[in-house]
PDB file of N, CA and C in Angstrom:
ATOM      1  N   UNK A   1       3.549  32.717  56.172  1.00  0.00           N
ATOM      2  CA  UNK A   1       4.314  33.898  56.480  1.00  0.00           C
ATOM      3  C   UNK A   1       5.060  34.327  55.220  1.00  0.00           C
ATOM      4  N   UNK A   2       4.869  35.576  54.856  1.00  0.00           N
ATOM      5  CA  UNK A   2       5.545  36.120  53.681  1.00  0.00           C
ATOM      6  C   UNK A   2       6.658  37.051  54.136  1.00  0.00           C
ATOM      7  N   UNK A   3       7.837  36.827  53.619  1.00  0.00           N
ATOM      8  CA  UNK A   3       8.967  37.690  53.935  1.00  0.00           C
ATOM      9  C   UNK A   3       9.087  38.778  52.880  1.00  0.00           C
ATOM     10  N   UNK A   4       9.541  39.930  53.309  1.00  0.00           N
ATOM     11  CA  UNK A   4       9.769  41.025  52.369  1.00  0.00           C
ATOM     12  C   UNK A   4      11.111  41.657  52.696  1.00  0.00           C
ATOM     13  N   UNK A   5      11.673  42.304  51.724  1.00  0.00           N
ATOM     14  CA  UNK A   5      12.957  42.978  51.937  1.00  0.00           C
ATOM     15  C   UNK A   5      12.757  44.166  52.870  1.00  0.00           C
ATOM     16  N   UNK A   6      13.707  44.422  53.769  1.00  0.00           N
ATOM     17  CA  UNK A   6      13.573  45.590  54.643  1.00  0.00           C
ATOM     18  C   UNK A   6      13.722  46.873  53.835  1.00  0.00           C
ATOM     19  N   UNK A   7      13.126  47.930  54.339  1.00  0.00           N
ATOM     20  CA  UNK A   7      13.261  49.208  53.644  1.00  0.00           C
ATOM     21  C   UNK A   7      14.695  49.707  53.807  1.00  0.00           C
ATOM     22  N   UNK A   8      15.062  50.632  52.983  1.00  0.00           N
ATOM     23  CA  UNK A   8      16.437  51.133  53.008  1.00  0.00           C
ATOM     24  C   UNK A   8      16.808  51.791  54.343  1.00  0.00           C
ATOM     25  N   UNK A   9      15.922  52.616  54.963  1.00  0.00           N
ATOM     26  CA  UNK A   9      16.304  53.197  56.262  1.00  0.00           C
ATOM     27  C   UNK A   9      16.516  52.132  57.344  1.00  0.00           C
ATOM     28  N   UNK A  10      15.679  51.101  57.369  1.00  0.00           N
ATOM     29  CA  UNK A  10      15.841  50.031  58.357  1.00  0.00           C
ATOM     30  C   UNK A  10      17.156  49.303  58.124  1.00  0.00           C
ATOM     31  N   UNK A  11      17.475  49.031  56.883  1.00  0.00           N
ATOM     32  CA  UNK A  11      18.732  48.354  56.566  1.00  0.00           C
ATOM     33  C   UNK A  11      19.928  49.198  56.972  1.00  0.00           C
ATOM     34  N   UNK A  12      19.886  50.498  56.670  1.00  0.00           N
ATOM     35  CA  UNK A  12      21.014  51.370  56.989  1.00  0.00           C
ATOM     36  C   UNK A  12      21.202  51.547  58.494  1.00  0.00           C
ATOM     37  N   UNK A  13      20.098  51.689  59.243  1.00  0.00           N
ATOM     38  CA  UNK A  13      20.189  51.809  60.696  1.00  0.00           C
ATOM     39  C   UNK A  13      20.770  50.530  61.284  1.00  0.00           C
ATOM     40  N   UNK A  14      20.292  49.403  60.814  1.00  0.00           N
ATOM     41  CA  UNK A  14      20.801  48.125  61.281  1.00  0.00           C
ATOM     42  C   UNK A  14      22.279  47.959  60.951  1.00  0.00           C
ATOM     43  N   UNK A  15      22.669  48.375  59.778  1.00  0.00           N
ATOM     44  CA  UNK A  15      24.064  48.280  59.368  1.00  0.00           C
ATOM     45  C   UNK A  15      24.959  49.165  60.227  1.00  0.00           C
ATOM     46  N   UNK A  16      24.544  50.394  60.469  1.00  0.00           N
ATOM     47  CA  UNK A  16      25.343  51.323  61.267  1.00  0.00           C
ATOM     48  C   UNK A  16      25.482  50.812  62.706  1.00  0.00           C
ATOM     49  N   UNK A  17      24.386  50.341  63.295  1.00  0.00           N
ATOM     50  CA  UNK A  17      24.452  49.834  64.665  1.00  0.00           C
ATOM     51  C   UNK A  17      25.337  48.592  64.734  1.00  0.00           C
ATOM     52  N   UNK A  18      25.227  47.717  63.748  1.00  0.00           N
ATOM     53  CA  UNK A  18      26.053  46.514  63.718  1.00  0.00           C
ATOM     54  C   UNK A  18      27.529  46.821  63.561  1.00  0.00           C
ATOM     55  N   UNK A  19      27.856  47.750  62.682  1.00  0.00           N
ATOM     56  CA  UNK A  19      29.262  48.125  62.478  1.00  0.00           C
ATOM     57  C   UNK A  19      29.813  48.800  63.728  1.00  0.00           C
ATOM     58  N   UNK A  20      29.021  49.654  64.371  1.00  0.00           N
ATOM     59  CA  UNK A  20      29.465  50.283  65.615  1.00  0.00           C
ATOM     60  C   UNK A  20      29.705  49.243  66.704  1.00  0.00           C
ATOM     61  N   UNK A  21      28.848  48.239  66.778  1.00  0.00           N
ATOM     62  CA  UNK A  21      29.009  47.190  67.787  1.00  0.00           C
ATOM     63  C   UNK A  21      30.284  46.396  67.544  1.00  0.00           C
ATOM     64  N   UNK A  22      30.546  46.036  66.307  1.00  0.00           N
ATOM     65  CA  UNK A  22      31.768  45.290  65.997  1.00  0.00           C
ATOM     66  C   UNK A  22      32.998  46.167  66.231  1.00  0.00           C
ATOM     67  N   UNK A  23      32.917  47.425  65.864  1.00  0.00           N
ATOM     68  CA  UNK A  23      34.017  48.352  66.112  1.00  0.00           C
ATOM     69  C   UNK A  23      34.252  48.537  67.610  1.00  0.00           C
ATOM     70  N   UNK A  24      33.153  48.520  68.383  1.00  0.00           N
ATOM     71  CA  UNK A  24      33.256  48.665  69.831  1.00  0.00           C
ATOM     72  C   UNK A  24      33.943  47.502  70.512  1.00  0.00           C
ATOM     73  N   UNK A  25      34.031  46.363  69.837  1.00  0.00           N
ATOM     74  CA  UNK A  25      34.761  45.229  70.400  1.00  0.00           C
ATOM     75  C   UNK A  25      36.266  45.441  70.334  1.00  0.00           C
ATOM     76  N   UNK A  26      36.731  46.227  69.381  1.00  0.00           N
ATOM     77  CA  UNK A  26      38.164  46.416  69.173  1.00  0.00           C
ATOM     78  C   UNK A  26      38.679  47.766  69.633  1.00  0.00           C
ATOM     79  N   UNK A  27      37.830  48.783  69.610  1.00  0.00           N
ATOM     80  CA  UNK A  27      38.209  50.141  69.988  1.00  0.00           C
ATOM     81  C   UNK A  27      37.306  50.566  71.140  1.00  0.00           C
ATOM     82  N   UNK A  28      37.853  51.258  72.116  1.00  0.00           N
ATOM     83  CA  UNK A  28      37.054  51.695  73.260  1.00  0.00           C
ATOM     84  C   UNK A  28      36.188  52.887  72.859  1.00  0.00           C
ATOM     85  N   UNK A  29      34.885  52.651  72.825  1.00  0.00           N
ATOM     86  CA  UNK A  29      33.891  53.700  72.598  1.00  0.00           C
ATOM     87  C   UNK A  29      33.016  53.682  73.853  1.00  0.00           C
ATOM     88  N   UNK A  30      32.872  54.803  74.564  1.00  0.00           N
ATOM     89  CA  UNK A  30      32.290  54.786  75.909  1.00  0.00           C
ATOM     90  C   UNK A  30      31.022  53.947  76.088  1.00  0.00           C
ATOM     91  N   UNK A  31      29.959  54.185  75.381  1.00  0.00           N
ATOM     92  CA  UNK A  31      28.734  53.414  75.592  1.00  0.00           C
ATOM     93  C   UNK A  31      28.737  52.118  74.793  1.00  0.00           C
ATOM     94  N   UNK A  32      29.280  52.177  73.616  1.00  0.00           N
ATOM     95  CA  UNK A  32      29.205  51.052  72.687  1.00  0.00           C
ATOM     96  C   UNK A  32      30.036  49.870  73.161  1.00  0.00           C
ATOM     97  N   UNK A  33      31.225  50.116  73.673  1.00  0.00           N
ATOM     98  CA  UNK A  33      32.104  49.020  74.074  1.00  0.00           C
ATOM     99  C   UNK A  33      31.516  48.206  75.224  1.00  0.00           C
ATOM    100  N   UNK A  34      30.821  48.869  76.126  1.00  0.00           N
ATOM    101  CA  UNK A  34      30.231  48.163  77.261  1.00  0.00           C
ATOM    102  C   UNK A  34      29.021  47.333  76.851  1.00  0.00           C
ATOM    103  N   UNK A  35      28.363  47.705  75.767  1.00  0.00           N
ATOM    104  CA  UNK A  35      27.141  47.034  75.340  1.00  0.00           C
ATOM    105  C   UNK A  35      27.234  46.505  73.915  1.00  0.00           C
ATOM    106  N   UNK A  36      28.410  46.144  73.470  1.00  0.00           N
ATOM    107  CA  UNK A  36      28.619  45.768  72.072  1.00  0.00           C
ATOM    108  C   UNK A  36      27.799  44.546  71.673  1.00  0.00           C
ATOM    109  N   UNK A  37      27.752  43.554  72.527  1.00  0.00           N
ATOM    110  CA  UNK A  37      27.020  42.336  72.188  1.00  0.00           C
ATOM    111  C   UNK A  37      25.533  42.627  72.084  1.00  0.00           C
ATOM    112  N   UNK A  38      25.009  43.419  73.018  1.00  0.00           N
ATOM    113  CA  UNK A  38      23.584  43.751  72.982  1.00  0.00           C
ATOM    114  C   UNK A  38      23.237  44.621  71.777  1.00  0.00           C
ATOM    115  N   UNK A  39      24.127  45.501  71.398  1.00  0.00           N
ATOM    116  CA  UNK A  39      23.881  46.323  70.211  1.00  0.00           C
ATOM    117  C   UNK A  39      23.886  45.469  68.940  1.00  0.00           C
ATOM    118  N   UNK A  40      24.765  44.487  68.898  1.00  0.00           N
ATOM    119  CA  UNK A  40      24.799  43.594  67.745  1.00  0.00           C
ATOM    120  C   UNK A  40      23.524  42.757  67.663  1.00  0.00           C
ATOM    121  N   UNK A  41      23.039  42.291  68.803  1.00  0.00           N
ATOM    122  CA  UNK A  41      21.774  41.539  68.834  1.00  0.00           C
ATOM    123  C   UNK A  41      20.620  42.443  68.416  1.00  0.00           C
ATOM    124  N   UNK A  42      20.622  43.701  68.869  1.00  0.00           N
ATOM    125  CA  UNK A  42      19.562  44.646  68.503  1.00  0.00           C
ATOM    126  C   UNK A  42      19.582  44.939  67.005  1.00  0.00           C
ATOM    127  N   UNK A  43      20.776  45.053  66.425  1.00  0.00           N
ATOM    128  CA  UNK A  43      20.875  45.308  64.983  1.00  0.00           C
ATOM    129  C   UNK A  43      20.324  44.127  64.195  1.00  0.00           C
ATOM    130  N   UNK A  44      20.652  42.911  64.641  1.00  0.00           N
ATOM    131  CA  UNK A  44      20.136  41.729  63.954  1.00  0.00           C
ATOM    132  C   UNK A  44      18.622  41.626  64.113  1.00  0.00           C
ATOM    133  N   UNK A  45      18.113  41.914  65.316  1.00  0.00           N
ATOM    134  CA  UNK A  45      16.671  41.861  65.553  1.00  0.00           C
ATOM    135  C   UNK A  45      15.933  42.894  64.703  1.00  0.00           C
ATOM    136  N   UNK A  46      16.494  44.076  64.577  1.00  0.00           N
ATOM    137  CA  UNK A  46      15.882  45.109  63.737  1.00  0.00           C
ATOM    138  C   UNK A  46      15.834  44.659  62.278  1.00  0.00           C
ATOM    139  N   UNK A  47      16.908  44.060  61.810  1.00  0.00           N
ATOM    140  CA  UNK A  47      16.937  43.570  60.438  1.00  0.00           C
ATOM    141  C   UNK A  47      15.944  42.430  60.240  1.00  0.00           C
ATOM    142  N   UNK A  48      15.831  41.547  61.223  1.00  0.00           N
ATOM    143  CA  UNK A  48      14.862  40.451  61.139  1.00  0.00           C
ATOM    144  C   UNK A  48      13.431  40.983  61.141  1.00  0.00           C
ATOM    145  N   UNK A  49      13.155  41.980  61.974  1.00  0.00           N
ATOM    146  CA  UNK A  49      11.810  42.585  61.982  1.00  0.00           C
ATOM    147  C   UNK A  49      11.534  43.283  60.655  1.00  0.00           C
ATOM    148  N   UNK A  50      12.540  43.884  60.086  1.00  0.00           N
ATOM    149  CA  UNK A  50      12.369  44.514  58.764  1.00  0.00           C
ATOM    150  C   UNK A  50      12.003  43.502  57.693  1.00  0.00           C
ATOM    151  N   UNK A  51      12.447  42.251  57.846  1.00  0.00           N
ATOM    152  CA  UNK A  51      12.078  41.208  56.902  1.00  0.00           C
ATOM    153  C   UNK A  51      10.700  40.643  57.192  1.00  0.00           C
ATOM    154  N   UNK A  52      10.338  40.534  58.445  1.00  0.00           N
ATOM    155  CA  UNK A  52       9.069  39.912  58.809  1.00  0.00           C
ATOM    156  C   UNK A  52       7.874  40.841  58.669  1.00  0.00           C
ATOM    157  N   UNK A  53       8.047  42.113  59.006  1.00  0.00           N
ATOM    158  CA  UNK A  53       6.944  43.070  58.947  1.00  0.00           C
ATOM    159  C   UNK A  53       6.986  43.807  57.615  1.00  0.00           C
ATOM    160  N   UNK A  54       5.860  43.915  56.996  1.00  0.00           N
ATOM    161  CA  UNK A  54       5.808  44.471  55.651  1.00  0.00           C
ATOM    162  C   UNK A  54       6.121  45.954  55.579  1.00  0.00           C
ATOM    163  N   UNK A  55       5.609  46.748  56.496  1.00  0.00           N
ATOM    164  CA  UNK A  55       5.756  48.212  56.402  1.00  0.00           C
ATOM    165  C   UNK A  55       6.792  48.784  57.344  1.00  0.00           C
ATOM    166  N   UNK A  56       7.751  47.997  57.755  1.00  0.00           N
ATOM    167  CA  UNK A  56       8.776  48.518  58.664  1.00  0.00           C
ATOM    168  C   UNK A  56      10.017  48.884  57.896  1.00  0.00           C
TER     169      UNK A  56
END
């Protein structure tokens, strides 16, 4: 298995979703606060897929 760096859009999307999820733990954001843990897991999964898949 060869790992590759994620592309910049994948990294930025993952970063934004992760920051929103962490922010949602401290500040009430209607959809984000209720699903903050799942959004954080999704951001990590997206970043992991960006490393595992070559063209993502």
